């Protein structure tokens, strides 16, 4: 037997050393694994990761698949429980019974949110309730305005209570107390706080002008009839335009200024034809009207910024106590022994106390109803109602107090009212963009 050369034997031995050994997989490694990674010894080659997808769960059989996902093409099945039983009355009879009892299919329909859908008649009922509420507010506004005017005239002229400053102080005291009760307790409107001393000083200035307006108006009622007082009071737009031009150089259109001519002309005619004309009363009435217009212009100037604006109820809440403080020394020095005279009148006739209390509360309700009517009606409606209020007050006062009225005076007052209406219409058109 020939022996192989040594160099061949050495090459075969080297090849056997380089050849990797076969590794038999164990039984555990044969199991499928989703994250198995193996490396061959002696090489850097990596096998691809093999992931076995998890088995899909079998869908559970559903007894009624149409209940979970209805098919829009097929009609919905009616449950057996909702079908009428043989003993139940027919459908028409049941509907007739529902209609006889006041029921309606539309009224009992359900909305998507699960609540009852409003019936078509609900909107009409709500609108009717809103109209009744507005009519009630306007009636209360008219009653309180005309009532406090006539009661002031009765106390200061017919009854003989000749203390207009004390009467105004009673009004302001009631306004201060009732305003606080309505805002702080009843929450009629949210309370607005005074933010600075400067704002409080502005409110005090408005309160001073307001006191002058009310006192002058009450003084004029001692000497003038209510009809003539209302005719002069209708000239407020004239004084408002004058003060706006003087203080803030606000110019209106020539048509607006032209409408003020019949306003002034009517008052002049009414003054010449008034049988009960009194010069001092006329001057006080003009002063009250001018002070009312000045307060409106000052309020627009002083409380013009957004942080200082107050609604009429909160403004009354702060003005009324300041007015009481201002009127108290004026009452003491200008109306001597007014408290003693009032006590003596109350001992003779206690009615004076009830009249003063009722009149003071009515003065507050004038402001409250004015605020509510302004809130629930439009500006045009408020202007029309305000112009008609003066005419109603004139008619009612003539019927109650039987004061003589001339045809010239009525024509002058009518001309003044027409001028006010034209002025309001011109202002409304000029404010449109």
Protein backbone atom coordinates (compact mmCIF):
# COMPACT_ATOMS: atom_id res chain seq x y z
CA UNK A 1 0.00 0.00 0.00
CA UNK A 2 1.36 3.28 -1.15
CA UNK A 3 1.57 6.12 1.30
CA UNK A 4 0.37 9.50 0.21
CA UNK A 5 2.74 12.34 0.16
CA UNK A 6 3.01 14.43 3.29
CA UNK A 7 2.00 17.67 1.64
CA UNK A 8 -1.36 16.21 0.52
CA UNK A 9 -2.07 15.01 4.04
CA UNK A 10 -1.32 18.41 5.47
CA UNK A 11 -3.72 20.15 2.97
CA UNK A 12 -6.59 17.81 3.82
CA UNK A 13 -6.04 18.33 7.55
CA UNK A 14 -6.18 22.12 7.06
CA UNK A 15 -9.39 21.87 5.02
CA UNK A 16 -11.01 19.74 7.74
CA UNK A 17 -10.11 22.32 10.36
CA UNK A 18 -11.62 25.15 8.29
CA UNK A 19 -14.86 23.20 7.59
CA UNK A 20 -17.53 24.06 10.24
CA UNK A 21 -19.13 21.38 12.24
CA UNK A 22 -22.75 20.54 11.64
CA UNK A 23 -24.83 21.29 14.70
CA UNK A 24 -27.89 19.20 15.07
CA UNK A 25 -30.83 21.25 16.29
CA UNK A 26 -32.27 20.33 19.61
CA UNK A 27 -35.96 19.55 19.96
CA UNK A 28 -36.55 22.80 21.83
CA UNK A 29 -35.02 24.86 19.09
CA UNK A 30 -37.25 23.29 16.49
CA UNK A 31 -40.29 25.03 17.98
CA UNK A 32 -41.36 28.12 16.03
CA UNK A 33 -40.20 31.36 17.59
CA UNK A 34 -41.08 34.85 16.46
CA UNK A 35 -37.84 36.38 17.74
CA UNK A 36 -35.19 33.74 17.01
CA UNK A 37 -31.77 34.87 15.76
CA UNK A 38 -28.90 32.40 15.11
CA UNK A 39 -25.35 32.97 13.98
CA UNK A 40 -23.17 30.41 12.26
CA UNK A 41 -19.90 29.83 14.03
CA UNK A 42 -16.99 31.17 12.16
CA UNK A 43 -19.02 33.50 9.93
CA UNK A 44 -20.65 36.95 10.30
CA UNK A 45 -23.71 36.08 8.24
CA UNK A 46 -27.09 36.66 9.97
CA UNK A 47 -30.21 34.79 9.13
CA UNK A 48 -33.38 36.66 8.29
CA UNK A 49 -35.87 37.09 11.11
CA UNK A 50 -38.88 34.92 10.63
CA UNK A 51 -42.10 35.99 12.33
CA UNK A 52 -45.01 33.76 12.51
CA UNK A 53 -48.27 35.80 12.45
CA UNK A 54 -50.53 35.17 15.44
CA UNK A 55 -53.65 33.18 14.73
CA UNK A 56 -56.70 35.29 13.97
CA UNK A 57 -59.53 34.98 16.47
CA UNK A 58 -62.60 33.45 15.09
CA UNK A 59 -65.59 35.85 15.00
CA UNK A 60 -68.21 35.11 17.57
CA UNK A 61 -71.51 34.14 16.10
CA UNK A 62 -74.21 36.81 16.63
CA UNK A 63 -77.81 35.90 17.00
CA UNK A 64 -79.15 39.10 15.34
CA UNK A 65 -76.64 40.98 13.20
CA UNK A 66 -79.23 43.38 11.87
CA UNK A 67 -79.80 44.80 15.34
CA UNK A 68 -76.24 46.09 15.67
CA UNK A 69 -75.80 47.41 12.14
CA UNK A 70 -79.06 48.07 10.31
CA UNK A 71 -79.18 47.89 6.55
CA UNK A 72 -80.72 51.04 5.07
CA UNK A 73 -82.01 49.11 2.05
CA UNK A 74 -84.05 46.65 4.10
CA UNK A 75 -86.95 47.78 6.25
CA UNK A 76 -86.48 47.66 9.99
CA UNK A 77 -88.07 44.78 11.80
CA UNK A 78 -90.80 45.66 14.22
CA UNK A 79 -90.45 43.93 17.58
CA UNK A 80 -93.17 41.55 18.44
CA UNK A 81 -93.82 43.32 21.74
CA UNK A 82 -94.79 46.54 19.94
CA UNK A 83 -97.42 44.85 17.76
CA UNK A 84 -100.97 45.18 19.02
CA UNK A 85 -102.38 42.20 20.71
CA UNK A 86 -105.61 40.71 19.48
CA UNK A 87 -107.42 42.12 22.49
CA UNK A 88 -106.03 45.67 22.10
CA UNK A 89 -108.14 48.26 20.19
CA UNK A 90 -107.17 49.02 16.60
CA UNK A 91 -104.65 51.72 15.72
CA UNK A 92 -107.25 54.25 14.55
CA UNK A 93 -109.19 53.92 17.78
CA UNK A 94 -106.03 54.46 19.82
CA UNK A 95 -105.14 57.57 17.80
CA UNK A 96 -108.63 58.87 18.21
CA UNK A 97 -108.40 58.42 21.96
CA UNK A 98 -105.08 60.27 21.96
CA UNK A 99 -106.59 63.16 20.01
CA UNK A 100 -109.64 63.20 22.28
CA UNK A 101 -107.35 63.47 25.30
CA UNK A 102 -105.41 66.33 23.77
CA UNK A 103 -102.46 64.21 22.56
CA UNK A 104 -100.64 64.56 19.28
CA UNK A 105 -98.10 62.39 17.53
CA UNK A 106 -96.01 65.44 16.66
CA UNK A 107 -96.08 66.77 20.21
CA UNK A 108 -94.72 63.49 21.62
CA UNK A 109 -91.98 62.97 19.01
CA UNK A 110 -88.51 62.40 20.40
CA UNK A 111 -85.44 64.31 19.35
CA UNK A 112 -82.04 62.85 18.63
CA UNK A 113 -80.81 63.86 22.08
CA UNK A 114 -83.51 61.89 23.77
CA UNK A 115 -85.81 64.77 24.77
CA UNK A 116 -89.26 65.61 23.59
CA UNK A 117 -89.33 67.59 20.37
CA UNK A 118 -91.10 70.97 20.58
CA UNK A 119 -94.46 71.04 18.95
CA UNK A 120 -95.20 73.62 16.25
CA UNK A 121 -97.53 75.41 18.63
CA UNK A 122 -94.75 75.89 21.23
CA UNK A 123 -93.09 78.71 19.32
CA UNK A 124 -96.36 80.58 18.97
CA UNK A 125 -97.10 80.16 22.67
CA UNK A 126 -93.66 81.51 23.60
CA UNK A 127 -94.13 84.48 21.27
CA UNK A 128 -97.55 85.18 22.78
CA UNK A 129 -96.08 85.05 26.28
CA UNK A 130 -93.30 87.45 25.22
CA UNK A 131 -95.85 89.90 23.80
CA UNK A 132 -97.91 89.77 26.99
CA UNK A 133 -94.78 90.38 29.06
CA UNK A 134 -93.81 93.39 26.93
CA UNK A 135 -97.34 94.80 27.11
CA UNK A 136 -97.26 94.38 30.89
CA UNK A 137 -93.92 96.21 31.09
CA UNK A 138 -95.17 99.10 28.98
CA UNK A 139 -98.35 99.32 31.07
CA UNK A 140 -96.31 99.37 34.29
CA UNK A 141 -94.00 102.01 32.81
CA UNK A 142 -96.91 104.25 31.83
CA UNK A 143 -98.67 103.74 35.15
CA UNK A 144 -95.61 104.52 37.27
CA UNK A 145 -94.60 107.57 35.19
CA UNK A 146 -98.04 109.13 35.06
CA UNK A 147 -98.81 108.04 38.62
CA UNK A 148 -95.77 109.70 40.20
CA UNK A 149 -96.39 112.86 38.15
CA UNK A 150 -100.02 113.16 39.21
CA UNK A 151 -99.27 112.24 42.82
CA UNK A 152 -96.55 114.90 43.01
CA UNK A 153 -99.01 117.42 41.65
CA UNK A 154 -101.64 116.34 44.19
CA UNK A 155 -99.27 116.52 47.18
CA UNK A 156 -97.62 119.82 46.24
CA UNK A 157 -100.69 121.65 44.98
CA UNK A 158 -104.00 120.13 46.10
CA UNK A 159 -103.02 118.54 49.41
CA UNK A 160 -100.98 121.53 50.58
CA UNK A 161 -97.64 119.74 51.19
CA UNK A 162 -95.39 122.59 50.04
CA UNK A 163 -91.99 120.94 50.47
CA UNK A 164 -90.62 119.81 47.09
CA UNK A 165 -87.02 119.37 48.29
CA UNK A 166 -88.08 117.08 51.13
CA UNK A 167 -90.29 115.16 48.71
CA UNK A 168 -87.33 114.70 46.37
CA UNK A 169 -85.18 113.50 49.27
CA UNK A 170 -87.85 110.89 50.08
CA UNK A 171 -87.73 109.75 46.45
CA UNK A 172 -83.95 109.42 46.51
CA UNK A 173 -84.00 107.53 49.82
CA UNK A 174 -86.43 104.97 48.42
CA UNK A 175 -84.38 104.65 45.23
CA UNK A 176 -81.22 103.98 47.26
CA UNK A 177 -82.82 101.27 49.43
CA UNK A 178 -84.83 99.54 46.70
CA UNK A 179 -81.95 99.66 44.22
CA UNK A 180 -79.69 97.87 46.67
CA UNK A 181 -82.37 95.27 47.39
CA UNK A 182 -83.04 94.67 43.68
CA UNK A 183 -79.36 94.35 42.71
CA UNK A 184 -77.76 92.75 45.78
CA UNK A 185 -80.60 90.42 46.84
CA UNK A 186 -82.95 89.88 43.90
CA UNK A 187 -80.16 89.93 41.28
CA UNK A 188 -82.20 91.92 38.78
CA UNK A 189 -78.94 93.03 37.13
CA UNK A 190 -75.31 92.17 37.98
CA UNK A 191 -73.71 94.59 40.40
CA UNK A 192 -71.03 96.85 38.90
CA UNK A 193 -68.44 98.23 41.29
CA UNK A 194 -66.90 101.71 41.26
CA UNK A 195 -63.25 101.22 40.35
CA UNK A 196 -61.66 104.54 41.24
CA UNK A 197 -62.17 107.82 43.06
CA UNK A 198 -62.26 109.63 39.75
CA UNK A 199 -65.23 107.54 38.66
CA UNK A 200 -66.96 108.24 41.99
CA UNK A 201 -66.38 112.00 41.51
CA UNK A 202 -67.98 111.78 38.06
CA UNK A 203 -71.00 109.99 39.51
CA UNK A 204 -71.27 112.69 42.21
CA UNK A 205 -71.32 115.38 39.50
CA UNK A 206 -74.10 113.54 37.67
CA UNK A 207 -75.99 113.17 40.95
CA UNK A 208 -75.82 116.92 41.56
CA UNK A 209 -77.30 117.68 38.14
CA UNK A 210 -79.90 114.97 38.66
CA UNK A 211 -80.97 116.51 41.98
CA UNK A 212 -81.35 119.91 40.36
CA UNK A 213 -83.52 118.44 37.62
CA UNK A 214 -85.88 116.60 39.99
CA UNK A 215 -86.18 119.46 42.49
CA UNK A 216 -86.88 122.02 39.76
CA UNK A 217 -89.51 119.77 38.23
CA UNK A 218 -91.27 119.29 41.56
CA UNK A 219 -91.18 123.03 42.27
CA UNK A 220 -92.73 123.78 38.89
CA UNK A 221 -95.65 121.43 39.66
CA UNK A 222 -96.68 123.75 42.49
CA UNK A 223 -97.41 126.57 40.04
CA UNK A 224 -98.11 124.94 36.66
CA UNK A 225 -100.67 122.33 35.54
CA UNK A 226 -99.41 118.94 34.43
CA UNK A 227 -100.44 119.55 30.81
CA UNK A 228 -98.27 122.64 30.44
CA UNK A 229 -95.45 120.98 32.41
CA UNK A 230 -95.40 118.14 29.89
CA UNK A 231 -95.44 120.56 26.96
CA UNK A 232 -92.34 122.32 28.26
CA UNK A 233 -90.67 119.00 29.14
CA UNK A 234 -91.04 117.86 25.53
CA UNK A 235 -88.33 120.36 24.53
CA UNK A 236 -85.58 118.13 25.98
CA UNK A 237 -84.17 117.27 22.50
CA UNK A 238 -83.60 120.98 21.83
CA UNK A 239 -81.49 121.44 24.97
CA UNK A 240 -79.67 118.15 24.32
CA UNK A 241 -78.60 119.35 20.86
CA UNK A 242 -77.51 122.73 22.30
CA UNK A 243 -75.40 121.21 25.12
CA UNK A 244 -73.87 118.62 22.77
CA UNK A 245 -72.76 121.38 20.41
CA UNK A 246 -71.36 123.57 23.21
CA UNK A 247 -69.59 120.87 25.24
CA UNK A 248 -68.38 118.33 22.69
CA UNK A 249 -68.85 120.31 19.45
CA UNK A 250 -71.19 117.64 18.11
CA UNK A 251 -72.83 118.89 14.95
CA UNK A 252 -76.02 117.46 13.54
CA UNK A 253 -77.33 117.68 10.00
CA UNK A 254 -79.27 120.76 8.94
CA UNK A 255 -82.45 118.65 8.71
CA UNK A 256 -82.09 117.70 12.39
CA UNK A 257 -81.71 121.32 13.42
CA UNK A 258 -84.67 122.22 11.22
CA UNK A 259 -86.92 119.79 13.11
CA UNK A 260 -86.20 121.67 16.36
CA UNK A 261 -88.01 124.74 15.06
CA UNK A 262 -91.53 123.32 15.58
CA UNK A 263 -90.44 122.05 19.02
CA UNK A 264 -89.60 125.55 20.26
CA UNK A 265 -92.44 127.22 18.34
CA UNK A 266 -95.00 124.88 19.88
CA UNK A 267 -93.88 125.72 23.42
CA UNK A 268 -94.08 129.44 22.70
CA UNK A 269 -97.62 129.05 21.35
CA UNK A 270 -98.63 126.86 24.30
CA UNK A 271 -97.21 129.40 26.76
CA UNK A 272 -99.21 132.21 25.21
CA UNK A 273 -102.42 130.22 25.31
CA UNK A 274 -102.02 128.75 28.80
CA UNK A 275 -104.68 130.12 31.19
CA UNK A 276 -102.71 129.09 34.31
CA UNK A 277 -99.33 130.47 33.21
CA UNK A 278 -96.92 131.31 36.06
CA UNK A 279 -93.55 132.88 35.29
CA UNK A 280 -91.61 131.39 38.21
CA UNK A 281 -93.07 127.94 37.56
CA UNK A 282 -92.22 128.30 33.87
CA UNK A 283 -88.59 129.19 34.67
CA UNK A 284 -88.28 126.21 37.03
CA UNK A 285 -89.78 123.90 34.41
CA UNK A 286 -87.31 125.16 31.79
CA UNK A 287 -84.49 124.64 34.31
CA UNK A 288 -85.63 121.06 35.01
CA UNK A 289 -85.75 120.27 31.28
CA UNK A 290 -82.31 121.78 30.66
CA UNK A 291 -80.81 119.91 33.64
CA UNK A 292 -82.24 116.66 32.32
CA UNK A 293 -80.59 117.25 28.95
CA UNK A 294 -77.32 118.29 30.61
CA UNK A 295 -77.23 115.05 32.61
CA UNK A 296 -77.61 113.02 29.40
CA UNK A 297 -74.68 114.84 27.73
CA UNK A 298 -72.49 114.68 30.85
CA UNK A 299 -73.15 110.97 31.26
CA UNK A 300 -71.92 110.39 27.72
CA UNK A 301 -68.77 112.42 28.40
CA UNK A 302 -67.82 111.33 31.92
CA UNK A 303 -68.68 107.63 31.66
CA UNK A 304 -67.57 107.08 28.07
CA UNK A 305 -64.77 104.54 28.63
CA UNK A 306 -65.58 100.83 28.72
CA UNK A 307 -64.32 100.42 32.28
CA UNK A 308 -66.50 103.24 33.63
CA UNK A 309 -69.78 102.54 31.86
CA UNK A 310 -72.67 101.67 34.16
CA UNK A 311 -76.17 100.60 33.29
CA UNK A 312 -79.03 102.78 34.50
CA UNK A 313 -79.83 100.59 37.52
CA UNK A 314 -76.27 100.55 38.88
CA UNK A 315 -75.92 104.26 38.15
CA UNK A 316 -79.07 104.92 40.20
CA UNK A 317 -77.66 102.72 42.97
CA UNK A 318 -74.67 105.06 43.35
CA UNK A 319 -76.37 108.37 42.52
CA UNK A 320 -79.30 108.02 44.95
CA UNK A 321 -77.27 107.95 48.23
CA UNK A 322 -75.16 110.89 47.03
CA UNK A 323 -78.37 112.75 46.18
CA UNK A 324 -79.70 112.16 49.71
CA UNK A 325 -76.48 113.60 51.18
CA UNK A 326 -76.78 116.65 48.93
CA UNK A 327 -80.49 117.21 49.58
CA UNK A 328 -80.37 116.85 53.35
CA UNK A 329 -78.71 120.23 54.12
CA UNK A 330 -80.80 121.91 51.41
CA UNK A 331 -83.96 120.59 53.07
CA UNK A 332 -82.87 121.77 56.52
CA UNK A 333 -81.92 125.32 55.47
CA UNK A 334 -84.46 125.99 52.70
CA UNK A 335 -87.55 124.23 54.08
CA UNK A 336 -87.76 125.22 57.72
CA UNK A 337 -89.21 122.70 60.19
CA UNK A 338 -90.34 120.33 57.45
CA UNK A 339 -90.06 117.26 59.70
CA UNK A 340 -92.19 118.87 62.44
CA UNK A 341 -94.83 119.93 59.93
CA UNK A 342 -94.94 116.41 58.48
CA UNK A 343 -95.38 114.91 61.96
CA UNK A 344 -98.23 117.34 62.72
CA UNK A 345 -99.92 116.43 59.44
CA UNK A 346 -99.50 112.73 60.24
CA UNK A 347 -101.19 113.22 63.64
CA UNK A 348 -104.18 114.86 61.99
CA UNK A 349 -104.32 112.54 58.98
CA UNK A 350 -102.06 109.51 58.75
CA UNK A 351 -102.78 109.31 55.04
CA UNK A 352 -99.88 111.66 54.36
CA UNK A 353 -97.45 108.97 55.52
CA UNK A 354 -98.91 106.38 53.14
CA UNK A 355 -98.93 108.90 50.32
CA UNK A 356 -95.25 109.73 50.86
CA UNK A 357 -94.28 106.05 51.08
CA UNK A 358 -96.27 105.09 48.00
CA UNK A 359 -95.00 108.07 46.04
CA UNK A 360 -91.38 107.29 46.96
CA UNK A 361 -91.69 103.64 45.92
CA UNK A 362 -93.41 104.69 42.70
CA UNK A 363 -90.47 106.99 41.93
CA UNK A 364 -88.16 103.96 42.04
CA UNK A 365 -90.44 101.88 39.84
CA UNK A 366 -90.28 104.63 37.21
CA UNK A 367 -86.54 103.94 36.85
CA UNK A 368 -86.94 100.16 37.06
CA UNK A 369 -89.66 99.93 34.41
CA UNK A 370 -87.79 102.39 32.20
CA UNK A 371 -84.74 100.12 32.32
CA UNK A 372 -86.79 96.97 31.58
CA UNK A 373 -88.71 98.56 28.70
CA UNK A 374 -85.44 99.77 27.19
CA UNK A 375 -84.04 96.25 27.51
CA UNK A 376 -87.01 94.39 25.97
CA UNK A 377 -87.97 96.80 23.17
CA UNK A 378 -86.22 98.49 20.28
CA UNK A 379 -85.03 102.11 20.21
CA UNK A 380 -87.77 103.10 17.77
CA UNK A 381 -90.48 101.55 19.95
CA UNK A 382 -89.11 103.35 22.98
CA UNK A 383 -89.19 106.70 21.17
CA UNK A 384 -92.79 106.20 20.06
CA UNK A 385 -93.85 105.10 23.54
CA UNK A 386 -92.07 108.07 25.13
CA UNK A 387 -93.82 110.54 22.85
CA UNK A 388 -97.20 108.94 23.45
CA UNK A 389 -96.63 108.89 27.23
CA UNK A 390 -96.63 112.68 27.44
CA UNK A 391 -99.92 112.90 25.53
CA UNK A 392 -101.53 110.28 27.80
CA UNK A 393 -100.32 112.19 30.89
CA UNK A 394 -101.86 115.40 29.56
CA UNK A 395 -105.24 113.76 28.93
CA UNK A 396 -105.30 111.99 32.32
CA UNK A 397 -104.32 115.15 34.22
CA UNK A 398 -107.04 117.20 32.52
CA UNK A 399 -109.61 114.51 33.42
CA UNK A 400 -108.51 114.37 37.09
CA UNK A 401 -107.65 117.96 38.00
CA UNK A 402 -110.11 119.67 35.60
CA UNK A 403 -107.61 122.41 34.81
CA UNK A 404 -108.72 124.79 32.06
CA UNK A 405 -107.14 124.19 28.67
CA UNK A 406 -107.34 126.50 25.65
CA UNK A 407 -107.37 125.47 22.02
CA UNK A 408 -104.23 127.56 21.44
CA UNK A 409 -102.40 125.70 24.19
CA UNK A 410 -103.39 122.30 22.77
CA UNK A 411 -102.31 123.32 19.26
CA UNK A 412 -98.95 124.47 20.62
CA UNK A 413 -98.44 121.21 22.49
CA UNK A 414 -99.41 119.19 19.38
CA UNK A 415 -96.88 121.13 17.30
CA UNK A 416 -94.19 120.40 19.89
CA UNK A 417 -94.92 116.66 19.84
CA UNK A 418 -94.79 116.60 16.03
CA UNK A 419 -91.42 118.36 16.13
CA UNK A 420 -90.08 115.79 18.63
CA UNK A 421 -91.22 112.93 16.39
CA UNK A 422 -89.54 114.50 13.36
CA UNK A 423 -86.37 115.07 15.39
CA UNK A 424 -86.26 111.41 16.47
CA UNK A 425 -86.77 110.23 12.89
CA UNK A 426 -84.03 112.53 11.61
CA UNK A 427 -81.59 111.33 14.28
CA UNK A 428 -82.34 107.71 13.44
CA UNK A 429 -81.64 108.27 9.72
CA UNK A 430 -78.46 110.25 10.36
CA UNK A 431 -77.08 107.47 12.60
CA UNK A 432 -77.50 104.84 9.88
CA UNK A 433 -74.25 104.02 8.04
